[in-house]
Protein backbone atom coordinates (compact mmCIF):
# COMPACT_ATOMS: atom_id res chain seq x y z
CA UNK A 1 27.76 16.46 -13.38
CA UNK A 2 26.38 13.90 -10.72
CA UNK A 3 25.48 16.58 -8.51
CA UNK A 4 23.70 18.42 -11.26
CA UNK A 5 21.63 15.52 -12.19
CA UNK A 6 20.72 14.60 -8.63
CA UNK A 7 19.55 18.36 -8.12
CA UNK A 8 17.58 18.28 -11.45
CA UNK A 9 15.74 15.04 -10.33
CA UNK A 10 15.01 16.50 -6.93
CA UNK A 11 13.44 19.59 -8.52
CA UNK A 12 11.35 17.37 -10.94
CA UNK A 13 10.08 15.17 -8.05
CA UNK A 14 9.13 18.34 -6.01
CA UNK A 15 7.13 19.60 -8.90
CA UNK A 16 4.95 16.27 -9.17
CA UNK A 17 1.31 17.25 -9.37
CA UNK A 18 -1.26 15.66 -7.20
CA UNK A 19 -3.05 13.13 -9.42
CA UNK A 20 -6.60 13.92 -10.39
CA UNK A 21 -7.91 10.43 -9.38
CA UNK A 22 -7.29 7.97 -6.77
CA UNK A 23 -4.38 5.79 -7.62
CA UNK A 24 -3.95 3.05 -5.08
CA UNK A 25 -3.72 -0.62 -5.75
CA UNK A 26 -7.16 -2.23 -5.90
CA UNK A 27 -6.66 -5.62 -3.98
CA UNK A 28 -10.28 -6.80 -4.24
CA UNK A 29 -13.85 -5.73 -5.33
CA UNK A 30 -14.17 -2.45 -7.24
CA UNK A 31 -14.82 1.16 -6.83
CA UNK A 32 -18.76 0.43 -7.15
CA UNK A 33 -18.76 -1.80 -4.01
CA UNK A 34 -21.09 -0.72 -1.28
CA UNK A 35 -18.10 -0.72 1.35
CA UNK A 36 -14.71 0.85 0.27
CA UNK A 37 -11.71 0.27 2.55
CA UNK A 38 -8.68 2.36 1.89
CA UNK A 39 -5.60 1.43 3.69
CA UNK A 40 -2.61 3.81 3.78
CA UNK A 41 0.70 1.90 4.57
CA UNK A 42 4.33 2.15 4.43
CA UNK A 43 5.81 -0.95 3.11
CA UNK A 44 8.67 -0.79 5.66
CA UNK A 45 6.55 0.27 8.68
CA UNK A 46 6.54 -2.39 11.52
CA UNK A 47 2.94 -1.13 12.75
CA UNK A 48 1.78 -1.77 9.17
CA UNK A 49 3.44 -5.14 9.08
CA UNK A 50 1.52 -6.22 12.48
CA UNK A 51 -1.98 -5.05 11.18
CA UNK A 52 -1.54 -6.48 7.68
CA UNK A 53 -2.34 -10.06 8.32
CA UNK A 54 -5.88 -9.23 9.22
CA UNK A 55 -6.42 -6.97 6.25
CA UNK A 56 -4.71 -9.69 3.89
CA UNK A 57 -7.21 -12.34 5.15
CA UNK A 58 -10.11 -9.96 4.38
CA UNK A 59 -8.77 -9.48 0.80
CA UNK A 60 -8.34 -13.41 0.42
CA UNK A 61 -11.71 -14.02 1.94
CA UNK A 62 -13.27 -11.96 -1.09
CA UNK A 63 -16.27 -10.68 1.03
CA UNK A 64 -18.96 -9.77 -1.26
CA UNK A 65 -19.34 -6.09 -2.36
CA UNK A 66 -16.23 -5.01 -0.62
CA UNK A 67 -13.23 -2.93 -2.30
CA UNK A 68 -10.09 -2.88 -0.66
CA UNK A 69 -7.35 -0.34 -1.89
CA UNK A 70 -3.73 -0.29 -0.85
CA UNK A 71 -2.31 3.19 -0.79
CA UNK A 72 1.40 3.59 -0.51
CA UNK A 73 2.53 6.21 2.05
CA UNK A 74 6.50 5.98 2.30
CA UNK A 75 7.33 7.81 5.51
CA UNK A 76 10.28 10.03 5.22
CA UNK A 77 12.00 8.79 8.39
CA UNK A 78 12.08 5.13 6.96
CA UNK A 79 15.03 5.60 4.85
CA UNK A 80 14.32 2.92 2.31
CA UNK A 81 10.56 3.27 2.06
CA UNK A 82 10.56 5.56 -1.11
CA UNK A 83 12.86 3.06 -2.95
CA UNK A 84 10.49 0.29 -2.06
CA UNK A 85 7.38 2.20 -3.03
CA UNK A 86 9.04 2.95 -6.29
CA UNK A 87 9.98 -0.86 -6.85
CA UNK A 88 6.21 -1.64 -6.08
CA UNK A 89 5.21 1.02 -8.58
CA UNK A 90 7.45 -0.70 -11.13
CA UNK A 91 5.79 -3.97 -10.37
CA UNK A 92 2.29 -2.48 -10.72
CA UNK A 93 3.22 -1.09 -14.02
CA UNK A 94 3.07 -4.84 -15.23
CA UNK A 95 0.74 -6.41 -12.93
CA UNK A 96 -1.61 -3.73 -11.57
CA UNK A 97 -4.57 -5.22 -13.42
CA UNK A 98 -4.20 -8.44 -11.53
CA UNK A 99 -5.29 -7.99 -8.01
CA UNK A 100 -4.32 -11.22 -6.79
CA UNK A 101 -0.69 -10.68 -7.80
CA UNK A 102 -0.71 -7.14 -6.18
CA UNK A 103 -2.05 -8.64 -2.92
CA UNK A 104 0.27 -11.53 -2.97
CA UNK A 105 3.38 -9.27 -3.54
CA UNK A 106 2.41 -6.80 -0.74
CA UNK A 107 1.91 -9.84 1.61
CA UNK A 108 5.46 -11.09 0.71
CA UNK A 109 6.95 -7.62 1.37
CA UNK A 110 5.57 -7.52 4.88
CA UNK A 111 6.74 -11.22 5.44
CA UNK A 112 10.25 -10.30 4.31
CA UNK A 113 10.30 -6.59 5.51
CA UNK A 114 13.22 -7.18 8.02
CA UNK A 115 15.82 -7.57 5.18
CA UNK A 116 15.13 -3.95 3.96
CA UNK A 117 14.72 -2.62 7.57
CA UNK A 118 18.07 -4.05 8.54
CA UNK A 119 19.91 -2.49 5.40
CA UNK A 120 18.63 0.95 6.15
CA UNK A 121 21.77 2.51 7.73
CA UNK A 122 24.38 0.43 5.98
CA UNK A 123 23.65 0.11 2.09
CA UNK A 124 23.68 2.40 -0.72
CA UNK A 125 20.58 3.28 -2.81
CA UNK A 126 22.03 1.10 -5.77
CA UNK A 127 22.30 -1.82 -3.35
CA UNK A 128 18.85 -1.49 -1.99
CA UNK A 129 17.42 -1.22 -5.47
CA UNK A 130 19.39 -4.34 -6.38
CA UNK A 131 17.95 -5.96 -3.32
CA UNK A 132 14.44 -4.86 -4.30
CA UNK A 133 14.83 -6.12 -7.87
CA UNK A 134 16.01 -9.69 -6.58
CA UNK A 135 13.01 -9.57 -4.24
CA UNK A 136 10.54 -9.13 -6.88
CA UNK A 137 11.87 -11.86 -9.10
CA UNK A 138 12.27 -14.43 -6.28
CA UNK A 139 8.99 -13.63 -4.34
CA UNK A 140 6.72 -12.22 -7.05
CA UNK A 141 7.91 -13.72 -10.15
CA UNK A 142 8.74 -10.79 -12.23
CA UNK A 143 12.10 -9.76 -13.84
CA UNK A 144 12.36 -5.88 -13.48
CA UNK A 145 15.94 -5.33 -14.66
CA UNK A 146 14.70 -3.14 -17.55
CA UNK A 147 12.75 -1.16 -15.05
CA UNK A 148 15.78 -0.49 -12.74
CA UNK A 149 18.49 -0.06 -15.61
CA UNK A 150 16.63 2.37 -17.70
CA UNK A 151 16.98 5.75 -15.79
CA UNK A 152 14.03 7.29 -17.63
CA UNK A 153 11.72 4.40 -16.96
CA UNK A 154 12.87 4.32 -13.19
CA UNK A 155 12.23 8.20 -12.78
CA UNK A 156 8.57 7.47 -14.18
CA UNK A 157 8.16 4.81 -11.37
CA UNK A 158 9.84 7.17 -8.78
CA UNK A 159 7.31 10.06 -9.77
CA UNK A 160 4.33 7.67 -9.34
CA UNK A 161 5.76 6.85 -5.90
CA UNK A 162 6.03 10.34 -4.80
CA UNK A 163 2.51 10.98 -6.20
CA UNK A 164 1.45 8.22 -3.99
CA UNK A 165 2.71 10.16 -0.89
CA UNK A 166 1.35 13.58 -2.02
CA UNK A 167 -2.02 12.09 -2.73
CA UNK A 168 -2.32 10.60 0.63
CA UNK A 169 -0.82 13.63 2.46
CA UNK A 170 -3.56 15.82 0.53
CA UNK A 171 -6.33 13.83 2.13
CA UNK A 172 -4.95 14.46 5.64
CA UNK A 173 -2.88 11.19 6.19
CA UNK A 174 0.06 11.76 8.39
CA UNK A 175 0.90 8.41 9.82
CA UNK A 176 0.65 4.65 9.10
CA UNK A 177 -1.21 2.55 9.09
CA UNK A 178 -4.41 4.78 8.51
CA UNK A 179 -7.71 3.51 7.07
CA UNK A 180 -10.61 5.47 5.52
CA UNK A 181 -13.88 3.68 5.06
CA UNK A 182 -16.31 4.97 2.44
CA UNK A 183 -14.28 8.20 2.54
CA UNK A 184 -14.39 8.78 6.17
CA UNK A 185 -11.08 8.66 8.25
CA UNK A 186 -11.48 5.77 10.95
CA UNK A 187 -8.92 5.94 13.40
CA UNK A 188 -9.76 2.90 15.34
CA UNK A 189 -10.02 0.54 12.27
CA UNK A 190 -6.35 -0.43 11.69
CA UNK A 191 -6.26 -2.24 14.99
CA UNK A 192 -9.39 -4.25 14.32
CA UNK A 193 -9.16 -7.98 14.63
CA UNK A 194 -10.54 -9.99 11.78
CA UNK A 195 -13.78 -10.72 13.30
CA UNK A 196 -14.18 -6.72 14.07
CA UNK A 197 -13.65 -6.12 10.49
CA UNK A 198 -16.21 -8.54 9.35
CA UNK A 199 -18.67 -7.08 11.92
CA UNK A 200 -17.98 -3.39 10.61
CA UNK A 201 -18.51 -4.57 6.98
CA UNK A 202 -21.74 -6.49 7.42
CA UNK A 203 -23.30 -3.69 9.57
CA UNK A 204 -22.31 -1.03 6.87
CA UNK A 205 -23.75 -3.29 4.24
CA UNK A 206 -27.07 -3.54 6.16
CA UNK A 207 -27.18 0.34 6.34
CA UNK A 208 -25.88 0.99 9.81
CA UNK A 209 -23.54 3.69 10.39
CA UNK A 210 -20.53 3.27 12.51
CA UNK A 211 -18.70 5.87 14.76
CA UNK A 212 -15.17 6.10 13.24
CA UNK A 213 -13.53 5.58 16.49
CA UNK A 214 -15.59 2.71 17.77
CA UNK A 215 -15.20 -1.20 17.81
CA UNK A 216 -18.24 -2.72 16.40
CA UNK A 217 -20.05 -5.84 17.22
CA UNK A 218 -21.91 -7.67 14.63
CA UNK A 219 -25.66 -7.14 14.36
CA UNK A 220 -26.23 -9.43 11.29
CA UNK A 221 -24.64 -12.79 10.25
CA UNK A 222 -21.12 -12.51 9.06
CA UNK A 223 -19.66 -14.57 6.15
CA UNK A 224 -17.53 -17.53 6.92
CA UNK A 225 -13.95 -17.12 6.06
CA UNK A 226 -11.43 -19.90 6.50
CA UNK A 227 -7.95 -19.01 7.86
């Protein structure tokens, strides 16, 4: 019976349709902003962890007329990534409308990433889910026992996590971290320093185009953002 249930679940997940609209987590701004930065990250990717502080500072700075969207892209070779993205989807079902909560929880996930990376080869799925539930309660302030204990509800979150992966893949994303700026893939942008991010943004806001593989210098005054 367990094998049949697992097989049925895999069939359902394989049949998930690509969403009709972008469904990432809005961390600041809105979709009418003049500059939209879409970040494609795996919550258990060490490279994403390395670049996130500059992006997080950009979110916290609240630069005017900038929309930052986080798209989960759980890489198949990170064993627990889909489980963690599913947990993030469960969290988002309660808090997606509160951009500050989403940004804070993503920040905390990268801060504590090692506890899930270390467990990759040794713990069962149920144990990783238990760790995830405890993490979201302790670090993000949300009790999600119902989301994990109700199998129907959990599968709904899992389907959304798979959809996140399929949506990103359908747009040509194949690695993390990846960035699109105003809909254009920008391969050099993930490695930007914070000052380079600000330079790129103000240049775009003043009508300058930026080659997607370049490192910009600011041609206009940049806003002051405290650490």
